Amino acid sequence: MINPLFERNARRNRNKALLFTIAFHALLAGAIFFGNDKTVEEYVPEVVQEWLGMDTEEEAIVAIPEDQKEVIRP
């Protein structure tokens, strides 16, 4: 014997829990990434940066023209 009222309430509870979880994690990630002066690239591993098509640190250094690179001299 299945009660449709219980099924509907269970479905609503699952949807509320899913939306709450997504909103909570989005706010948490936003607070971590944008709450300080570090960039997102510093948090994301290089493997994930390659998957997303972001420039890794080595590619970013190579992309700077030679005349704009600072030379540190002792």
Protein backbone atom coordinates (compact mmCIF):
# COMPACT_ATOMS: atom_id res chain seq x y z
CA MET A 1 0.00 0.00 0.00
CA ILE A 2 1.58 3.23 -1.18
CA ASN A 3 0.42 6.60 0.05
CA PRO A 4 0.86 9.32 -2.62
CA LEU A 5 1.01 12.01 0.05
CA PHE A 6 4.12 10.45 1.59
CA GLU A 7 5.75 10.06 -1.82
CA ARG A 8 5.09 13.71 -2.67
CA ASN A 9 6.50 14.88 0.68
CA ALA A 10 9.57 12.69 0.25
CA ARG A 11 10.16 14.13 -3.24
CA ARG A 12 9.81 17.68 -1.90
CA ASN A 13 12.27 16.95 0.90
CA ARG A 14 14.82 15.53 -1.55
CA ASN A 15 14.48 18.58 -3.81
CA LYS A 16 14.84 20.99 -0.88
CA ALA A 17 17.91 19.13 0.36
CA LEU A 18 19.50 19.19 -3.11
CA LEU A 19 18.85 22.92 -3.58
CA PHE A 20 20.14 23.70 -0.09
CA THR A 21 23.30 21.65 -0.69
CA ILE A 22 24.00 23.34 -4.04
CA ALA A 23 23.40 26.82 -2.59
CA PHE A 24 25.54 26.12 0.48
CA HIS A 25 28.49 24.83 -1.55
CA ALA A 26 28.22 27.70 -4.04
CA LEU A 27 28.32 30.24 -1.20
CA LEU A 28 31.19 28.41 0.49
CA ALA A 29 33.25 28.27 -2.73
CA GLY A 30 32.50 31.94 -3.42
CA ALA A 31 33.59 32.94 0.08
CA ILE A 32 36.81 30.97 -0.23
CA PHE A 33 37.71 32.15 -3.74
CA PHE A 34 36.61 35.77 -3.51
CA GLY A 35 37.01 36.40 0.21
CA ASN A 36 40.73 37.09 -0.01
CA ASP A 37 43.23 38.50 -2.46
CA LYS A 38 44.44 35.17 -3.87
CA THR A 39 43.43 34.12 -7.36
CA VAL A 40 41.42 31.05 -8.28
CA GLU A 41 44.43 29.60 -10.11
CA GLU A 42 46.31 29.33 -6.81
CA TYR A 43 43.64 26.98 -5.43
CA VAL A 44 43.01 24.84 -8.51
CA PRO A 45 45.58 22.07 -9.18
CA GLU A 46 47.49 22.15 -12.47
CA VAL A 47 45.78 18.98 -13.74
CA VAL A 48 42.36 20.57 -13.32
CA GLN A 49 43.62 23.78 -14.93
CA GLU A 50 44.64 21.76 -17.99
CA TRP A 51 41.18 20.13 -18.13
CA LEU A 52 39.49 23.54 -17.95
CA GLY A 53 41.86 25.08 -20.50
CA MET A 54 43.32 27.58 -18.04
CA ASP A 55 46.95 28.67 -18.34
CA THR A 56 49.26 26.94 -15.91
CA GLU A 57 52.02 28.87 -14.16
CA GLU A 58 54.68 27.74 -16.64
CA GLU A 59 52.54 28.74 -19.62
CA ALA A 60 51.78 32.10 -18.04
CA ILE A 61 55.49 32.78 -17.48
CA VAL A 62 56.35 31.79 -21.05
CA ALA A 63 53.53 34.01 -22.38
CA ILE A 64 55.19 37.16 -20.97
CA PRO A 65 57.34 38.87 -23.61
CA GLU A 66 61.08 38.91 -22.90
CA ASP A 67 61.31 42.70 -22.68
CA GLN A 68 58.66 42.79 -19.92
CA LYS A 69 60.19 40.12 -17.69
CA GLU A 70 61.93 41.46 -14.64
CA VAL A 71 65.51 40.47 -14.17
CA ILE A 72 66.54 40.09 -10.54
CA ARG A 73 70.17 40.94 -10.07
CA PRO A 74 72.13 40.48 -6.86
